[in-house]
Amino acid sequence: MSIKTIKLTDGTEIDIKASLNYGDSLKIEASLMDGLKVGQTGIVDYKASMIIESKLKTIELMVVAIRQNEKAVPFSREVIENLTVEDGDMLYAEIEAVTKKKSEKAPGNQS
C-alpha cells in the first residue's frame, strides 16, 4: 500500500492511502447513500447531516497514521473534528484527490 504524507500547519503529519481500494470505495458510496430516500420519481429526501458523516467516514477509511510532535496519535473523529478549518479542508482536499481518481477511471466516465 502506497502512502502519502500530509503536513498540517501545526506540523502534524497525517499519512493517507495513496490509492483507494474497492472495499473502501463501496463503504464510501454506502455512507453517501445512507441519507437518501428514493421514491418512484427519484430522490425525495436527503439528510444533509449524511454529507458530514460521509466525509468523516471517508477520512476514517483513508487515514493510516497521525503524528504530532513525532509521536503517534490514535485516529479518532475528535482529532479530525478539532483540526482548524484550514487544515481540515487541506486534508479533505488531498483525500478527495485520491478518491476522485477511482471514479474518473470507472467505465463510462471517459471524457
N, C-alpha and C. Protein backbone atom coordinates (compact mmCIF):
# COMPACT_ATOMS: atom_id res chain seq x y z
N MET A 1 0.85 -1.18 0.00
CA MET A 1 0.00 0.00 0.00
C MET A 1 0.89 1.24 0.00
N SER A 2 0.65 2.12 -0.96
CA SER A 2 1.38 3.38 -1.04
C SER A 2 0.76 4.38 -0.08
N ILE A 3 1.63 5.21 0.50
CA ILE A 3 1.21 6.20 1.49
C ILE A 3 1.61 7.59 1.01
N LYS A 4 0.77 8.55 1.29
CA LYS A 4 1.07 9.96 1.04
C LYS A 4 0.99 10.68 2.37
N THR A 5 1.99 11.50 2.69
CA THR A 5 2.01 12.23 3.96
C THR A 5 1.57 13.67 3.73
N ILE A 6 0.61 14.10 4.54
CA ILE A 6 0.10 15.47 4.51
C ILE A 6 0.63 16.17 5.75
N LYS A 7 1.28 17.31 5.57
CA LYS A 7 1.79 18.08 6.71
C LYS A 7 0.86 19.26 6.94
N LEU A 8 0.29 19.32 8.14
CA LEU A 8 -0.65 20.38 8.50
C LEU A 8 0.10 21.61 8.99
N THR A 9 -0.60 22.72 9.14
CA THR A 9 0.03 23.99 9.50
C THR A 9 0.71 23.96 10.87
N ASP A 10 0.24 23.08 11.78
CA ASP A 10 0.85 23.00 13.11
C ASP A 10 1.97 21.96 13.17
N GLY A 11 2.33 21.39 12.01
CA GLY A 11 3.40 20.39 11.97
C GLY A 11 2.91 18.96 12.09
N THR A 12 1.65 18.77 12.43
CA THR A 12 1.09 17.42 12.48
C THR A 12 1.21 16.78 11.11
N GLU A 13 1.59 15.51 11.10
CA GLU A 13 1.68 14.77 9.85
C GLU A 13 0.61 13.69 9.83
N ILE A 14 -0.11 13.62 8.73
CA ILE A 14 -1.15 12.61 8.58
C ILE A 14 -0.84 11.81 7.33
N ASP A 15 -0.67 10.50 7.50
CA ASP A 15 -0.44 9.60 6.38
C ASP A 15 -1.78 9.11 5.87
N ILE A 16 -1.98 9.23 4.55
CA ILE A 16 -3.20 8.72 3.94
C ILE A 16 -2.83 7.70 2.87
N LYS A 17 -3.79 6.86 2.54
CA LYS A 17 -3.59 5.91 1.45
C LYS A 17 -3.45 6.71 0.16
N ALA A 18 -2.50 6.30 -0.70
CA ALA A 18 -2.28 7.00 -1.97
C ALA A 18 -3.23 6.49 -3.05
N SER A 19 -3.94 5.42 -2.73
CA SER A 19 -4.94 4.91 -3.67
C SER A 19 -6.09 4.30 -2.87
N LEU A 20 -7.21 4.19 -3.52
CA LEU A 20 -8.42 3.70 -2.88
C LEU A 20 -8.65 2.25 -3.29
N ASN A 21 -8.90 1.39 -2.30
CA ASN A 21 -9.22 0.01 -2.68
C ASN A 21 -10.74 -0.13 -2.88
N TYR A 22 -11.13 -1.21 -3.51
CA TYR A 22 -12.53 -1.40 -3.88
C TYR A 22 -13.45 -1.44 -2.67
N GLY A 23 -13.03 -2.14 -1.62
CA GLY A 23 -13.86 -2.24 -0.42
C GLY A 23 -14.12 -0.88 0.21
N ASP A 24 -13.07 -0.07 0.30
CA ASP A 24 -13.24 1.28 0.86
C ASP A 24 -14.15 2.12 -0.04
N SER A 25 -14.01 1.94 -1.34
CA SER A 25 -14.86 2.66 -2.29
C SER A 25 -16.33 2.34 -2.04
N LEU A 26 -16.63 1.06 -1.84
CA LEU A 26 -18.01 0.65 -1.58
C LEU A 26 -18.53 1.24 -0.27
N LYS A 27 -17.67 1.27 0.75
CA LYS A 27 -18.07 1.83 2.05
C LYS A 27 -18.36 3.32 1.95
N ILE A 28 -17.56 4.03 1.16
CA ILE A 28 -17.78 5.47 0.97
C ILE A 28 -19.10 5.69 0.24
N GLU A 29 -19.34 4.93 -0.82
CA GLU A 29 -20.59 5.05 -1.56
C GLU A 29 -21.79 4.74 -0.66
N ALA A 30 -21.66 3.71 0.17
CA ALA A 30 -22.76 3.34 1.07
C ALA A 30 -23.03 4.46 2.08
N SER A 31 -21.97 5.10 2.57
CA SER A 31 -22.18 6.17 3.55
C SER A 31 -22.91 7.36 2.91
N LEU A 32 -22.68 7.59 1.63
CA LEU A 32 -23.40 8.66 0.92
C LEU A 32 -24.87 8.30 0.72
N MET A 33 -25.12 7.03 0.46
CA MET A 33 -26.48 6.58 0.17
C MET A 33 -27.35 6.48 1.42
N ASP A 34 -26.73 6.40 2.60
CA ASP A 34 -27.49 6.25 3.84
C ASP A 34 -28.51 7.36 4.06
N GLY A 35 -28.22 8.55 3.59
CA GLY A 35 -29.12 9.68 3.82
C GLY A 35 -30.18 9.87 2.77
N LEU A 36 -30.19 9.02 1.76
CA LEU A 36 -31.15 9.16 0.66
C LEU A 36 -32.46 8.44 0.93
N LYS A 37 -33.54 9.07 0.52
CA LYS A 37 -34.84 8.41 0.45
C LYS A 37 -35.27 8.50 -1.00
N VAL A 38 -35.48 7.34 -1.60
CA VAL A 38 -35.81 7.29 -3.01
C VAL A 38 -37.24 6.82 -3.18
N GLY A 39 -37.96 7.52 -4.03
CA GLY A 39 -39.34 7.15 -4.36
C GLY A 39 -39.43 6.80 -5.83
N GLN A 40 -40.62 6.65 -6.33
CA GLN A 40 -40.82 6.27 -7.73
C GLN A 40 -40.28 7.32 -8.70
N THR A 41 -40.24 8.56 -8.27
CA THR A 41 -39.78 9.63 -9.15
C THR A 41 -38.30 9.97 -8.95
N GLY A 42 -37.63 9.25 -8.08
CA GLY A 42 -36.21 9.52 -7.80
C GLY A 42 -36.01 9.89 -6.35
N ILE A 43 -35.01 10.71 -6.10
CA ILE A 43 -34.69 11.13 -4.73
C ILE A 43 -35.78 12.05 -4.22
N VAL A 44 -36.36 11.69 -3.07
CA VAL A 44 -37.43 12.51 -2.49
C VAL A 44 -36.99 13.22 -1.21
N ASP A 45 -35.88 12.76 -0.61
CA ASP A 45 -35.40 13.39 0.61
C ASP A 45 -33.94 13.02 0.80
N TYR A 46 -33.21 13.93 1.43
CA TYR A 46 -31.81 13.66 1.74
C TYR A 46 -31.45 14.36 3.03
N LYS A 47 -30.82 13.63 3.94
CA LYS A 47 -30.39 14.20 5.21
C LYS A 47 -29.04 14.89 4.98
N ALA A 48 -29.01 16.18 5.14
CA ALA A 48 -27.77 16.94 4.94
C ALA A 48 -26.66 16.48 5.89
N SER A 49 -27.03 16.02 7.07
CA SER A 49 -26.02 15.56 8.04
C SER A 49 -25.24 14.36 7.51
N MET A 50 -25.80 13.65 6.53
CA MET A 50 -25.10 12.50 5.97
C MET A 50 -23.89 12.92 5.15
N ILE A 51 -23.88 14.14 4.65
CA ILE A 51 -22.70 14.64 3.93
C ILE A 51 -21.53 14.71 4.91
N ILE A 52 -21.79 15.22 6.10
CA ILE A 52 -20.76 15.30 7.13
C ILE A 52 -20.30 13.90 7.52
N GLU A 53 -21.25 13.02 7.77
CA GLU A 53 -20.91 11.64 8.14
C GLU A 53 -20.11 10.95 7.04
N SER A 54 -20.47 11.19 5.80
CA SER A 54 -19.76 10.58 4.68
C SER A 54 -18.32 11.10 4.60
N LYS A 55 -18.14 12.40 4.80
CA LYS A 55 -16.78 12.96 4.80
C LYS A 55 -15.95 12.35 5.92
N LEU A 56 -16.53 12.26 7.12
CA LEU A 56 -15.79 11.69 8.24
C LEU A 56 -15.48 10.21 8.00
N LYS A 57 -16.41 9.48 7.41
CA LYS A 57 -16.18 8.07 7.09
C LYS A 57 -15.06 7.94 6.06
N THR A 58 -15.06 8.81 5.07
CA THR A 58 -14.01 8.80 4.04
C THR A 58 -12.65 9.06 4.68
N ILE A 59 -12.58 10.06 5.54
CA ILE A 59 -11.32 10.36 6.23
C ILE A 59 -10.88 9.17 7.07
N GLU A 60 -11.82 8.59 7.80
CA GLU A 60 -11.51 7.42 8.64
C GLU A 60 -10.93 6.27 7.82
N LEU A 61 -11.50 6.02 6.65
CA LEU A 61 -11.04 4.93 5.80
C LEU A 61 -9.69 5.21 5.15
N MET A 62 -9.39 6.48 4.93
CA MET A 62 -8.17 6.84 4.19
C MET A 62 -6.96 7.14 5.08
N VAL A 63 -7.19 7.54 6.34
CA VAL A 63 -6.06 7.88 7.21
C VAL A 63 -5.40 6.60 7.73
N VAL A 64 -4.08 6.55 7.56
CA VAL A 64 -3.30 5.39 8.00
C VAL A 64 -2.63 5.68 9.35
N ALA A 65 -2.12 6.91 9.52
CA ALA A 65 -1.42 7.26 10.76
C ALA A 65 -1.45 8.77 10.96
N ILE A 66 -1.38 9.16 12.23
CA ILE A 66 -1.30 10.57 12.61
C ILE A 66 -0.13 10.72 13.57
N ARG A 67 0.70 11.75 13.32
CA ARG A 67 1.82 12.03 14.21
C ARG A 67 1.81 13.50 14.59
N GLN A 68 1.89 13.75 15.91
CA GLN A 68 2.03 15.12 16.42
C GLN A 68 3.31 15.15 17.22
N ASN A 69 4.19 16.08 16.90
CA ASN A 69 5.49 16.17 17.57
C ASN A 69 6.23 14.84 17.50
N GLU A 70 6.13 14.19 16.34
CA GLU A 70 6.80 12.91 16.06
C GLU A 70 6.30 11.75 16.91
N LYS A 71 5.17 11.91 17.57
CA LYS A 71 4.56 10.84 18.37
C LYS A 71 3.26 10.40 17.71
N ALA A 72 3.06 9.09 17.68
CA ALA A 72 1.83 8.54 17.08
C ALA A 72 0.62 8.96 17.90
N VAL A 73 -0.42 9.33 17.19
CA VAL A 73 -1.69 9.72 17.81
C VAL A 73 -2.75 8.77 17.25
N PRO A 74 -3.49 8.09 18.11
CA PRO A 74 -4.54 7.19 17.60
C PRO A 74 -5.60 7.98 16.82
N PHE A 75 -6.07 7.39 15.72
CA PHE A 75 -7.13 8.05 14.96
C PHE A 75 -8.40 8.12 15.79
N SER A 76 -9.04 9.27 15.74
CA SER A 76 -10.38 9.41 16.31
C SER A 76 -11.07 10.54 15.56
N ARG A 77 -12.37 10.49 15.54
CA ARG A 77 -13.11 11.59 14.91
C ARG A 77 -12.84 12.89 15.63
N GLU A 78 -12.63 12.81 16.94
CA GLU A 78 -12.36 14.02 17.72
C GLU A 78 -11.10 14.72 17.22
N VAL A 79 -10.05 13.95 16.92
CA VAL A 79 -8.81 14.53 16.40
C VAL A 79 -9.11 15.27 15.10
N ILE A 80 -9.86 14.63 14.21
CA ILE A 80 -10.18 15.23 12.92
C ILE A 80 -11.10 16.45 13.09
N GLU A 81 -12.11 16.33 13.92
CA GLU A 81 -13.06 17.42 14.11
C GLU A 81 -12.41 18.64 14.79
N ASN A 82 -11.31 18.43 15.50
CA ASN A 82 -10.64 19.53 16.18
C ASN A 82 -9.54 20.18 15.35
N LEU A 83 -9.36 19.74 14.09
CA LEU A 83 -8.42 20.42 13.21
C LEU A 83 -8.95 21.81 12.91
N THR A 84 -8.04 22.73 12.59
CA THR A 84 -8.50 24.04 12.13
C THR A 84 -9.25 23.83 10.81
N VAL A 85 -10.08 24.78 10.45
CA VAL A 85 -10.81 24.69 9.18
C VAL A 85 -9.82 24.56 8.03
N GLU A 86 -8.77 25.37 8.07
CA GLU A 86 -7.75 25.34 7.01
C GLU A 86 -7.13 23.95 6.89
N ASP A 87 -6.73 23.36 8.01
CA ASP A 87 -6.11 22.03 7.97
C ASP A 87 -7.11 20.95 7.58
N GLY A 88 -8.33 21.05 8.09
CA GLY A 88 -9.35 20.07 7.74
C GLY A 88 -9.67 20.11 6.26
N ASP A 89 -9.78 21.32 5.71
CA ASP A 89 -10.04 21.46 4.28
C ASP A 89 -8.88 20.94 3.45
N MET A 90 -7.65 21.22 3.90
CA MET A 90 -6.47 20.74 3.17
C MET A 90 -6.43 19.21 3.18
N LEU A 91 -6.65 18.61 4.34
CA LEU A 91 -6.64 17.15 4.45
C LEU A 91 -7.71 16.54 3.57
N TYR A 92 -8.93 17.09 3.61
CA TYR A 92 -10.01 16.51 2.82
C TYR A 92 -9.76 16.69 1.33
N ALA A 93 -9.17 17.81 0.93
CA ALA A 93 -8.86 18.03 -0.49
C ALA A 93 -7.86 16.98 -0.97
N GLU A 94 -6.88 16.66 -0.15
CA GLU A 94 -5.89 15.64 -0.52
C GLU A 94 -6.56 14.26 -0.62
N ILE A 95 -7.43 13.96 0.32
CA ILE A 95 -8.14 12.68 0.30
C ILE A 95 -9.08 12.62 -0.90
N GLU A 96 -9.77 13.71 -1.15
CA GLU A 96 -10.71 13.76 -2.27
C GLU A 96 -9.99 13.57 -3.61
N ALA A 97 -8.76 14.11 -3.71
CA ALA A 97 -7.99 13.93 -4.94
C ALA A 97 -7.72 12.44 -5.19
N VAL A 98 -7.48 11.68 -4.12
CA VAL A 98 -7.25 10.24 -4.25
C VAL A 98 -8.56 9.52 -4.57
N THR A 99 -9.63 9.85 -3.87
CA THR A 99 -10.89 9.13 -4.08
C THR A 99 -11.50 9.46 -5.43
N LYS A 100 -11.26 10.65 -5.95
CA LYS A 100 -11.79 11.02 -7.27
C LYS A 100 -11.06 10.30 -8.39
N LYS A 101 -9.78 9.95 -8.18
CA LYS A 101 -9.03 9.21 -9.19
C LYS A 101 -9.76 7.93 -9.55
N LYS A 102 -10.30 7.26 -8.54
CA LYS A 102 -11.01 5.99 -8.75
C LYS A 102 -12.23 6.22 -9.61
N SER A 103 -13.04 7.22 -9.28
CA SER A 103 -14.28 7.42 -10.01
C SER A 103 -14.04 7.91 -11.44
N GLU A 104 -12.94 8.62 -11.66
CA GLU A 104 -12.63 9.09 -13.00
C GLU A 104 -12.21 7.95 -13.92
N LYS A 105 -11.68 6.86 -13.35
CA LYS A 105 -11.24 5.73 -14.14
C LYS A 105 -12.35 4.72 -14.37
N ALA A 106 -13.47 4.91 -13.72
CA ALA A 106 -14.58 3.94 -13.83
C ALA A 106 -15.11 3.91 -15.26
N PRO A 107 -15.54 2.71 -15.73
CA PRO A 107 -16.12 2.62 -17.07
C PRO A 107 -17.28 3.59 -17.21
N GLY A 108 -17.36 4.21 -18.36
CA GLY A 108 -18.44 5.16 -18.60
C GLY A 108 -18.08 6.59 -18.20
N ASN A 109 -16.93 6.75 -17.51
CA ASN A 109 -16.51 8.10 -17.10
C ASN A 109 -15.36 8.62 -17.95
N GLN A 110 -15.18 8.06 -19.15
CA GLN A 110 -14.14 8.56 -20.04
C GLN A 110 -14.70 9.78 -20.77
N SER A 111 -13.90 10.82 -20.79
CA SER A 111 -14.34 12.05 -21.46
C SER A 111 -13.68 12.18 -22.81
